[in-house]
Amino acid sequence: MNDPTAVQLGIRRSAEMAAVFMIGDGLLGLLQPTRHVGLWRSDINAVDVLVRPFAAHPARRRAYGLLQIGAGLILALALKRPGGDAVAPDRHEG
């Protein structure tokens, strides 16, 4: 039977959410690098260490944004149907 288990479905949904996050975060970093990095600066070192390399380097953040968008799209396109086929585009009958 090709029905996904609840765990398999949860994994695919989690991967889809990660792809959406990567694409959205990448787009914000691409379009508004200074504002986006400034929002995530923090007094908590464990948080700040993630964005510190981009502070005062908007071109670096833009480049990373392009990488995030590309990686998110690759992840989303790689998601498979329960039967193993790539997910087909929605087709509306009407």
PDB file of N, CA and C in Angstrom:
ATOM      1  N   MET A   1       0.850  -1.180   0.000  1.00  0.00           N
ATOM      2  CA  MET A   1       0.000   0.000   0.000  1.00  0.00           C
ATOM      3  C   MET A   1       0.890   1.235   0.000  1.00  0.00           C
ATOM      4  N   ASN A   2       0.516   2.258  -0.767  1.00  0.00           N
ATOM      5  CA  ASN A   2       1.333   3.456  -0.906  1.00  0.00           C
ATOM      6  C   ASN A   2       0.930   4.590   0.028  1.00  0.00           C
ATOM      7  N   ASP A   3       0.021   4.364   0.945  1.00  0.00           N
ATOM      8  CA  ASP A   3      -0.375   5.425   1.870  1.00  0.00           C
ATOM      9  C   ASP A   3       0.777   5.741   2.821  1.00  0.00           C
ATOM     10  N   PRO A   4       1.071   7.042   2.974  1.00  0.00           N
ATOM     11  CA  PRO A   4       2.172   7.392   3.877  1.00  0.00           C
ATOM     12  C   PRO A   4       1.755   7.192   5.323  1.00  0.00           C
ATOM     13  N   THR A   5       2.721   6.865   6.136  1.00  0.00           N
ATOM     14  CA  THR A   5       2.435   6.798   7.564  1.00  0.00           C
ATOM     15  C   THR A   5       2.416   8.218   8.099  1.00  0.00           C
ATOM     16  N   ALA A   6       1.936   8.370   9.292  1.00  0.00           N
ATOM     17  CA  ALA A   6       1.876   9.697   9.905  1.00  0.00           C
ATOM     18  C   ALA A   6       3.276  10.279  10.053  1.00  0.00           C
ATOM     19  N   VAL A   7       4.259   9.438  10.332  1.00  0.00           N
ATOM     20  CA  VAL A   7       5.636   9.919  10.485  1.00  0.00           C
ATOM     21  C   VAL A   7       6.187  10.400   9.148  1.00  0.00           C
ATOM     22  N   GLN A   8       5.968   9.631   8.088  1.00  0.00           N
ATOM     23  CA  GLN A   8       6.436  10.026   6.761  1.00  0.00           C
ATOM     24  C   GLN A   8       5.797  11.336   6.324  1.00  0.00           C
ATOM     25  N   LEU A   9       4.516  11.465   6.576  1.00  0.00           N
ATOM     26  CA  LEU A   9       3.811  12.694   6.227  1.00  0.00           C
ATOM     27  C   LEU A   9       4.362  13.871   7.027  1.00  0.00           C
ATOM     28  N   GLY A  10       4.619  13.650   8.301  1.00  0.00           N
ATOM     29  CA  GLY A  10       5.189  14.700   9.141  1.00  0.00           C
ATOM     30  C   GLY A  10       6.565  15.139   8.665  1.00  0.00           C
ATOM     31  N   ILE A  11       7.371  14.179   8.216  1.00  0.00           N
ATOM     32  CA  ILE A  11       8.702  14.500   7.701  1.00  0.00           C
ATOM     33  C   ILE A  11       8.596  15.334   6.432  1.00  0.00           C
ATOM     34  N   ARG A  12       7.725  14.944   5.528  1.00  0.00           N
ATOM     35  CA  ARG A  12       7.557  15.712   4.284  1.00  0.00           C
ATOM     36  C   ARG A  12       7.024  17.113   4.557  1.00  0.00           C
ATOM     37  N   ARG A  13       6.080  17.201   5.484  1.00  0.00           N
ATOM     38  CA  ARG A  13       5.557  18.528   5.828  1.00  0.00           C
ATOM     39  C   ARG A  13       6.626  19.391   6.480  1.00  0.00           C
ATOM     40  N   SER A  14       7.452  18.793   7.320  1.00  0.00           N
ATOM     41  CA  SER A  14       8.548  19.534   7.948  1.00  0.00           C
ATOM     42  C   SER A  14       9.547  20.015   6.902  1.00  0.00           C
ATOM     43  N   ALA A  15       9.846  19.169   5.935  1.00  0.00           N
ATOM     44  CA  ALA A  15      10.755  19.562   4.859  1.00  0.00           C
ATOM     45  C   ALA A  15      10.161  20.699   4.047  1.00  0.00           C
ATOM     46  N   GLU A  16       8.868  20.640   3.797  1.00  0.00           N
ATOM     47  CA  GLU A  16       8.191  21.716   3.066  1.00  0.00           C
ATOM     48  C   GLU A  16       8.251  23.028   3.855  1.00  0.00           C
ATOM     49  N   MET A  17       8.046  22.946   5.159  1.00  0.00           N
ATOM     50  CA  MET A  17       8.130  24.157   5.988  1.00  0.00           C
ATOM     51  C   MET A  17       9.551  24.717   5.987  1.00  0.00           C
ATOM     52  N   ALA A  18      10.545  23.847   6.028  1.00  0.00           N
ATOM     53  CA  ALA A  18      11.933  24.304   5.971  1.00  0.00           C
ATOM     54  C   ALA A  18      12.214  25.005   4.647  1.00  0.00           C
ATOM     55  N   ALA A  19      11.693  24.447   3.556  1.00  0.00           N
ATOM     56  CA  ALA A  19      11.884  25.065   2.243  1.00  0.00           C
ATOM     57  C   ALA A  19      11.229  26.444   2.194  1.00  0.00           C
ATOM     58  N   VAL A  20      10.028  26.550   2.719  1.00  0.00           N
ATOM     59  CA  VAL A  20       9.320  27.839   2.743  1.00  0.00           C
ATOM     60  C   VAL A  20      10.098  28.854   3.575  1.00  0.00           C
ATOM     61  N   PHE A  21      10.608  28.419   4.722  1.00  0.00           N
ATOM     62  CA  PHE A  21      11.400  29.315   5.571  1.00  0.00           C
ATOM     63  C   PHE A  21      12.660  29.773   4.840  1.00  0.00           C
ATOM     64  N   MET A  22      13.352  28.839   4.199  1.00  0.00           N
ATOM     65  CA  MET A  22      14.589  29.183   3.496  1.00  0.00           C
ATOM     66  C   MET A  22      14.331  30.182   2.373  1.00  0.00           C
ATOM     67  N   ILE A  23      13.270  29.963   1.617  1.00  0.00           N
ATOM     68  CA  ILE A  23      12.946  30.859   0.507  1.00  0.00           C
ATOM     69  C   ILE A  23      12.563  32.231   1.037  1.00  0.00           C
ATOM     70  N   GLY A  24      11.717  32.282   2.045  1.00  0.00           N
ATOM     71  CA  GLY A  24      11.277  33.563   2.604  1.00  0.00           C
ATOM     72  C   GLY A  24      12.399  34.330   3.272  1.00  0.00           C
ATOM     73  N   ASP A  25      13.198  33.651   4.080  1.00  0.00           N
ATOM     74  CA  ASP A  25      14.309  34.301   4.756  1.00  0.00           C
ATOM     75  C   ASP A  25      15.340  34.780   3.733  1.00  0.00           C
ATOM     76  N   GLY A  26      15.580  33.965   2.718  1.00  0.00           N
ATOM     77  CA  GLY A  26      16.504  34.361   1.658  1.00  0.00           C
ATOM     78  C   GLY A  26      16.024  35.579   0.905  1.00  0.00           C
ATOM     79  N   LEU A  27      14.727  35.636   0.625  1.00  0.00           N
ATOM     80  CA  LEU A  27      14.164  36.780  -0.094  1.00  0.00           C
ATOM     81  C   LEU A  27      14.272  38.060   0.729  1.00  0.00           C
ATOM     82  N   LEU A  28      13.977  37.976   2.017  1.00  0.00           N
ATOM     83  CA  LEU A  28      14.122  39.150   2.883  1.00  0.00           C
ATOM     84  C   LEU A  28      15.580  39.581   2.974  1.00  0.00           C
ATOM     85  N   GLY A  29      16.496  38.626   3.082  1.00  0.00           N
ATOM     86  CA  GLY A  29      17.913  38.949   3.130  1.00  0.00           C
ATOM     87  C   GLY A  29      18.415  39.541   1.828  1.00  0.00           C
ATOM     88  N   LEU A  30      17.824  39.136   0.734  1.00  0.00           N
ATOM     89  CA  LEU A  30      18.196  39.661  -0.575  1.00  0.00           C
ATOM     90  C   LEU A  30      17.688  41.088  -0.770  1.00  0.00           C
ATOM     91  N   LEU A  31      16.442  41.332  -0.393  1.00  0.00           N
ATOM     92  CA  LEU A  31      15.811  42.629  -0.647  1.00  0.00           C
ATOM     93  C   LEU A  31      16.093  43.675   0.426  1.00  0.00           C
ATOM     94  N   GLN A  32      16.230  43.254   1.680  1.00  0.00           N
ATOM     95  CA  GLN A  32      16.422  44.191   2.792  1.00  0.00           C
ATOM     96  C   GLN A  32      17.500  43.666   3.744  1.00  0.00           C
ATOM     97  N   PRO A  33      18.735  43.529   3.272  1.00  0.00           N
ATOM     98  CA  PRO A  33      19.758  42.876   4.088  1.00  0.00           C
ATOM     99  C   PRO A  33      20.062  43.598   5.402  1.00  0.00           C
ATOM    100  N   THR A  34      20.172  44.902   5.388  1.00  0.00           N
ATOM    101  CA  THR A  34      20.525  45.637   6.606  1.00  0.00           C
ATOM    102  C   THR A  34      19.413  45.557   7.643  1.00  0.00           C
ATOM    103  N   ARG A  35      18.172  45.763   7.212  1.00  0.00           N
ATOM    104  CA  ARG A  35      17.044  45.681   8.129  1.00  0.00           C
ATOM    105  C   ARG A  35      16.899  44.275   8.687  1.00  0.00           C
ATOM    106  N   HIS A  36      17.039  43.285   7.816  1.00  0.00           N
ATOM    107  CA  HIS A  36      16.838  41.895   8.227  1.00  0.00           C
ATOM    108  C   HIS A  36      17.907  41.457   9.239  1.00  0.00           C
ATOM    109  N   VAL A  37      19.158  41.790   8.967  1.00  0.00           N
ATOM    110  CA  VAL A  37      20.231  41.434   9.908  1.00  0.00           C
ATOM    111  C   VAL A  37      20.046  42.187  11.220  1.00  0.00           C
ATOM    112  N   GLY A  38      19.694  43.469  11.133  1.00  0.00           N
ATOM    113  CA  GLY A  38      19.488  44.266  12.346  1.00  0.00           C
ATOM    114  C   GLY A  38      18.400  43.692  13.242  1.00  0.00           C
ATOM    115  N   LEU A  39      17.369  43.148  12.640  1.00  0.00           N
ATOM    116  CA  LEU A  39      16.279  42.552  13.414  1.00  0.00           C
ATOM    117  C   LEU A  39      16.756  41.365  14.232  1.00  0.00           C
ATOM    118  N   TRP A  40      17.716  40.607  13.704  1.00  0.00           N
ATOM    119  CA  TRP A  40      18.169  39.390  14.358  1.00  0.00           C
ATOM    120  C   TRP A  40      19.414  39.563  15.228  1.00  0.00           C
ATOM    121  N   ARG A  41      19.983  40.773  15.257  1.00  0.00           N
ATOM    122  CA  ARG A  41      21.106  40.996  16.179  1.00  0.00           C
ATOM    123  C   ARG A  41      20.590  40.824  17.600  1.00  0.00           C
ATOM    124  N   SER A  42      21.424  40.293  18.491  1.00  0.00           N
ATOM    125  CA  SER A  42      20.965  39.948  19.834  1.00  0.00           C
ATOM    126  C   SER A  42      22.096  40.073  20.848  1.00  0.00           C
ATOM    127  N   ASP A  43      21.716  40.333  22.107  1.00  0.00           N
ATOM    128  CA  ASP A  43      22.675  40.310  23.209  1.00  0.00           C
ATOM    129  C   ASP A  43      23.041  38.871  23.591  1.00  0.00           C
ATOM    130  N   ILE A  44      22.263  37.938  23.128  1.00  0.00           N
ATOM    131  CA  ILE A  44      22.526  36.525  23.396  1.00  0.00           C
ATOM    132  C   ILE A  44      23.513  36.027  22.334  1.00  0.00           C
ATOM    133  N   ASN A  45      24.705  35.691  22.763  1.00  0.00           N
ATOM    134  CA  ASN A  45      25.777  35.342  21.834  1.00  0.00           C
ATOM    135  C   ASN A  45      25.412  34.187  20.913  1.00  0.00           C
ATOM    136  N   ALA A  46      24.723  33.181  21.414  1.00  0.00           N
ATOM    137  CA  ALA A  46      24.356  32.017  20.602  1.00  0.00           C
ATOM    138  C   ALA A  46      23.457  32.412  19.428  1.00  0.00           C
ATOM    139  N   VAL A  47      22.668  33.453  19.596  1.00  0.00           N
ATOM    140  CA  VAL A  47      21.805  33.949  18.520  1.00  0.00           C
ATOM    141  C   VAL A  47      22.606  34.873  17.610  1.00  0.00           C
ATOM    142  N   ASP A  48      23.346  35.787  18.217  1.00  0.00           N
ATOM    143  CA  ASP A  48      24.069  36.803  17.450  1.00  0.00           C
ATOM    144  C   ASP A  48      25.157  36.203  16.564  1.00  0.00           C
ATOM    145  N   VAL A  49      25.743  35.104  16.990  1.00  0.00           N
ATOM    146  CA  VAL A  49      26.816  34.499  16.208  1.00  0.00           C
ATOM    147  C   VAL A  49      26.335  34.083  14.810  1.00  0.00           C
ATOM    148  N   LEU A  50      25.050  33.829  14.666  1.00  0.00           N
ATOM    149  CA  LEU A  50      24.502  33.423  13.371  1.00  0.00           C
ATOM    150  C   LEU A  50      24.407  34.573  12.380  1.00  0.00           C
ATOM    151  N   VAL A  51      24.197  35.799  12.878  1.00  0.00           N
ATOM    152  CA  VAL A  51      24.029  36.945  11.973  1.00  0.00           C
ATOM    153  C   VAL A  51      25.224  37.893  11.972  1.00  0.00           C
ATOM    154  N   ARG A  52      26.108  37.747  12.922  1.00  0.00           N
ATOM    155  CA  ARG A  52      27.267  38.644  13.031  1.00  0.00           C
ATOM    156  C   ARG A  52      28.087  38.711  11.739  1.00  0.00           C
ATOM    157  N   PRO A  53      28.303  37.610  11.018  1.00  0.00           N
ATOM    158  CA  PRO A  53      29.105  37.701   9.783  1.00  0.00           C
ATOM    159  C   PRO A  53      28.479  38.611   8.716  1.00  0.00           C
ATOM    160  N   PHE A  54      27.193  38.911   8.847  1.00  0.00           N
ATOM    161  CA  PHE A  54      26.507  39.727   7.855  1.00  0.00           C
ATOM    162  C   PHE A  54      26.374  41.195   8.267  1.00  0.00           C
ATOM    163  N   ALA A  55      26.684  41.507   9.520  1.00  0.00           N
ATOM    164  CA  ALA A  55      26.579  42.884   9.994  1.00  0.00           C
ATOM    165  C   ALA A  55      27.547  43.752   9.191  1.00  0.00           C
ATOM    166  N   ALA A  56      27.060  44.863   8.689  1.00  0.00           N
ATOM    167  CA  ALA A  56      27.841  45.812   7.890  1.00  0.00           C
ATOM    168  C   ALA A  56      28.345  45.200   6.577  1.00  0.00           C
ATOM    169  N   HIS A  57      27.739  44.105   6.147  1.00  0.00           N
ATOM    170  CA  HIS A  57      28.113  43.462   4.885  1.00  0.00           C
ATOM    171  C   HIS A  57      26.849  43.090   4.098  1.00  0.00           C
ATOM    172  N   PRO A  58      26.100  44.081   3.617  1.00  0.00           N
ATOM    173  CA  PRO A  58      24.848  43.757   2.921  1.00  0.00           C
ATOM    174  C   PRO A  58      25.042  42.894   1.671  1.00  0.00           C
ATOM    175  N   ALA A  59      26.148  43.069   0.967  1.00  0.00           N
ATOM    176  CA  ALA A  59      26.370  42.243  -0.229  1.00  0.00           C
ATOM    177  C   ALA A  59      26.541  40.776   0.157  1.00  0.00           C
ATOM    178  N   ARG A  60      27.198  40.537   1.274  1.00  0.00           N
ATOM    179  CA  ARG A  60      27.376  39.167   1.769  1.00  0.00           C
ATOM    180  C   ARG A  60      26.018  38.555   2.110  1.00  0.00           C
ATOM    181  N   ARG A  61      25.155  39.352   2.740  1.00  0.00           N
ATOM    182  CA  ARG A  61      23.821  38.849   3.108  1.00  0.00           C
ATOM    183  C   ARG A  61      22.980  38.602   1.870  1.00  0.00           C
ATOM    184  N   ARG A  62      23.120  39.464   0.868  1.00  0.00           N
ATOM    185  CA  ARG A  62      22.377  39.251  -0.379  1.00  0.00           C
ATOM    186  C   ARG A  62      22.819  37.950  -1.053  1.00  0.00           C
ATOM    187  N   ALA A  63      24.119  37.711  -1.089  1.00  0.00           N
ATOM    188  CA  ALA A  63      24.628  36.473  -1.700  1.00  0.00           C
ATOM    189  C   ALA A  63      24.103  35.249  -0.941  1.00  0.00           C
ATOM    190  N   TYR A  64      24.122  35.335   0.388  1.00  0.00           N
ATOM    191  CA  TYR A  64      23.602  34.233   1.190  1.00  0.00           C
ATOM    192  C   TYR A  64      22.100  34.056   0.950  1.00  0.00           C
ATOM    193  N   GLY A  65      21.396  35.166   0.757  1.00  0.00           N
ATOM    194  CA  GLY A  65      19.970  35.092   0.449  1.00  0.00           C
ATOM    195  C   GLY A  65      19.711  34.328  -0.838  1.00  0.00           C
ATOM    196  N   LEU A  66      20.532  34.578  -1.857  1.00  0.00           N
ATOM    197  CA  LEU A  66      20.381  33.835  -3.111  1.00  0.00           C
ATOM    198  C   LEU A  66      20.627  32.342  -2.897  1.00  0.00           C
ATOM    199  N   LEU A  67      21.624  32.018  -2.080  1.00  0.00           N
ATOM    200  CA  LEU A  67      21.879  30.604  -1.773  1.00  0.00           C
ATOM    201  C   LEU A  67      20.705  29.973  -1.031  1.00  0.00           C
ATOM    202  N   GLN A  68      20.121  30.713  -0.083  1.00  0.00           N
ATOM    203  CA  GLN A  68      18.971  30.189   0.653  1.00  0.00           C
ATOM    204  C   GLN A  68      17.789  29.933  -0.278  1.00  0.00           C
ATOM    205  N   ILE A  69      17.528  30.875  -1.167  1.00  0.00           N
ATOM    206  CA  ILE A  69      16.406  30.722  -2.102  1.00  0.00           C
ATOM    207  C   ILE A  69      16.634  29.491  -2.982  1.00  0.00           C
ATOM    208  N   GLY A  70      17.842  29.365  -3.524  1.00  0.00           N
ATOM    209  CA  GLY A  70      18.151  28.215  -4.368  1.00  0.00           C
ATOM    210  C   GLY A  70      18.028  26.901  -3.620  1.00  0.00           C
ATOM    211  N   ALA A  71      18.579  26.851  -2.410  1.00  0.00           N
ATOM    212  CA  ALA A  71      18.507  25.618  -1.620  1.00  0.00           C
ATOM    213  C   ALA A  71      17.064  25.286  -1.243  1.00  0.00           C
ATOM    214  N   GLY A  72      16.277  26.301  -0.912  1.00  0.00           N
ATOM    215  CA  GLY A  72      14.875  26.071  -0.576  1.00  0.00           C
ATOM    216  C   GLY A  72      14.083  25.538  -1.752  1.00  0.00           C
ATOM    217  N   LEU A  73      14.351  26.077  -2.935  1.00  0.00           N
ATOM    218  CA  LEU A  73      13.665  25.590  -4.137  1.00  0.00           C
ATOM    219  C   LEU A  73      14.083  24.156  -4.459  1.00  0.00           C
ATOM    220  N   ILE A  74      15.363  23.863  -4.321  1.00  0.00           N
ATOM    221  CA  ILE A  74      15.836  22.493  -4.571  1.00  0.00           C
ATOM    222  C   ILE A  74      15.180  21.515  -3.596  1.00  0.00           C
ATOM    223  N   LEU A  75      15.115  21.911  -2.334  1.00  0.00           N
ATOM    224  CA  LEU A  75      14.473  21.049  -1.334  1.00  0.00           C
ATOM    225  C   LEU A  75      13.006  20.825  -1.680  1.00  0.00           C
ATOM    226  N   ALA A  76      12.294  21.899  -2.010  1.00  0.00           N
ATOM    227  CA  ALA A  76      10.871  21.774  -2.332  1.00  0.00           C
ATOM    228  C   ALA A  76      10.654  20.905  -3.573  1.00  0.00           C
ATOM    229  N   LEU A  77      11.503  21.088  -4.570  1.00  0.00           N
ATOM    230  CA  LEU A  77      11.349  20.302  -5.797  1.00  0.00           C
ATOM    231  C   LEU A  77      11.707  18.828  -5.596  1.00  0.00           C
ATOM    232  N   ALA A  78      12.521  18.546  -4.597  1.00  0.00           N
ATOM    233  CA  ALA A  78      12.946  17.172  -4.344  1.00  0.00           C
ATOM    234  C   ALA A  78      11.918  16.368  -3.556  1.00  0.00           C
ATOM    235  N   LEU A  79      10.935  17.031  -2.991  1.00  0.00           N
ATOM    236  CA  LEU A  79       9.927  16.307  -2.212  1.00  0.00           C
ATOM    237  C   LEU A  79       9.167  15.354  -3.115  1.00  0.00           C
ATOM    238  N   LYS A  80       8.936  14.175  -2.622  1.00  0.00           N
ATOM    239  CA  LYS A  80       8.303  13.125  -3.407  1.00  0.00           C
ATOM    240  C   LYS A  80       6.917  12.805  -2.876  1.00  0.00           C
ATOM    241  N   ARG A  81       6.114  12.265  -3.750  1.00  0.00           N
ATOM    242  CA  ARG A  81       4.815  11.732  -3.348  1.00  0.00           C
ATOM    243  C   ARG A  81       5.022  10.442  -2.585  1.00  0.00           C
ATOM    244  N   PRO A  82       4.019  10.004  -1.845  1.00  0.00           N
ATOM    245  CA  PRO A  82       4.142   8.727  -1.129  1.00  0.00           C
ATOM    246  C   PRO A  82       4.539   7.569  -2.038  1.00  0.00           C
ATOM    247  N   GLY A  83       4.085   7.540  -3.297  1.00  0.00           N
ATOM    248  CA  GLY A  83       4.402   6.458  -4.222  1.00  0.00           C
ATOM    249  C   GLY A  83       5.773   6.590  -4.855  1.00  0.00           C
ATOM    250  N   GLY A  84       6.489   7.683  -4.567  1.00  0.00           N
ATOM    251  CA  GLY A  84       7.828   7.861  -5.094  1.00  0.00           C
ATOM    252  C   GLY A  84       7.912   8.835  -6.250  1.00  0.00           C
ATOM    253  N   ASP A  85       6.768   9.231  -6.819  1.00  0.00           N
ATOM    254  CA  ASP A  85       6.790  10.179  -7.925  1.00  0.00           C
ATOM    255  C   ASP A  85       6.991  11.583  -7.381  1.00  0.00           C
ATOM    256  N   ALA A  86       7.616  12.421  -8.187  1.00  0.00           N
ATOM    257  CA  ALA A  86       7.714  13.829  -7.816  1.00  0.00           C
ATOM    258  C   ALA A  86       6.308  14.392  -7.738  1.00  0.00           C
ATOM    259  N   VAL A  87       6.113  15.327  -6.860  1.00  0.00           N
ATOM    260  CA  VAL A  87       4.798  15.927  -6.697  1.00  0.00           C
ATOM    261  C   VAL A  87       4.451  16.709  -7.946  1.00  0.00           C
ATOM    262  N   ALA A  88       3.336  16.372  -8.547  1.00  0.00           N
ATOM    263  CA  ALA A  88       2.894  17.033  -9.777  1.00  0.00           C
ATOM    264  C   ALA A  88       2.198  18.340  -9.451  1.00  0.00           C
ATOM    265  N   PRO A  89       2.230  19.301 -10.380  1.00  0.00           N
ATOM    266  CA  PRO A  89       1.503  20.546 -10.141  1.00  0.00           C
ATOM    267  C   PRO A  89       0.021  20.294  -9.996  1.00  0.00           C
ATOM    268  N   ASP A  90      -0.642  21.172  -9.267  1.00  0.00           N
ATOM    269  CA  ASP A  90      -2.092  21.040  -9.102  1.00  0.00           C
ATOM    270  C   ASP A  90      -2.776  21.163 -10.451  1.00  0.00           C
ATOM    271  N   ARG A  91      -3.735  20.310 -10.659  1.00  0.00           N
ATOM    272  CA  ARG A  91      -4.538  20.379 -11.896  1.00  0.00           C
ATOM    273  C   ARG A  91      -5.975  20.531 -11.486  1.00  0.00           C
ATOM    274  N   HIS A  92      -6.581  21.613 -11.906  1.00  0.00           N
ATOM    275  CA  HIS A  92      -7.966  21.880 -11.551  1.00  0.00           C
ATOM    276  C   HIS A  92      -8.867  21.456 -12.697  1.00  0.00           C
ATOM    277  N   GLU A  93      -9.848  20.662 -12.355  1.00  0.00           N
ATOM    278  CA  GLU A  93     -10.820  20.254 -13.359  1.00  0.00           C
ATOM    279  C   GLU A  93     -11.926  21.274 -13.377  1.00  0.00           C
ATOM    280  N   GLY A  94     -12.435  21.527 -14.530  1.00  0.00           N
ATOM    281  CA  GLY A  94     -13.517  22.488 -14.522  1.00  0.00           C
ATOM    282  C   GLY A  94     -14.046  22.697 -15.806  1.00  0.00           C
TER     283      GLY A  94
END
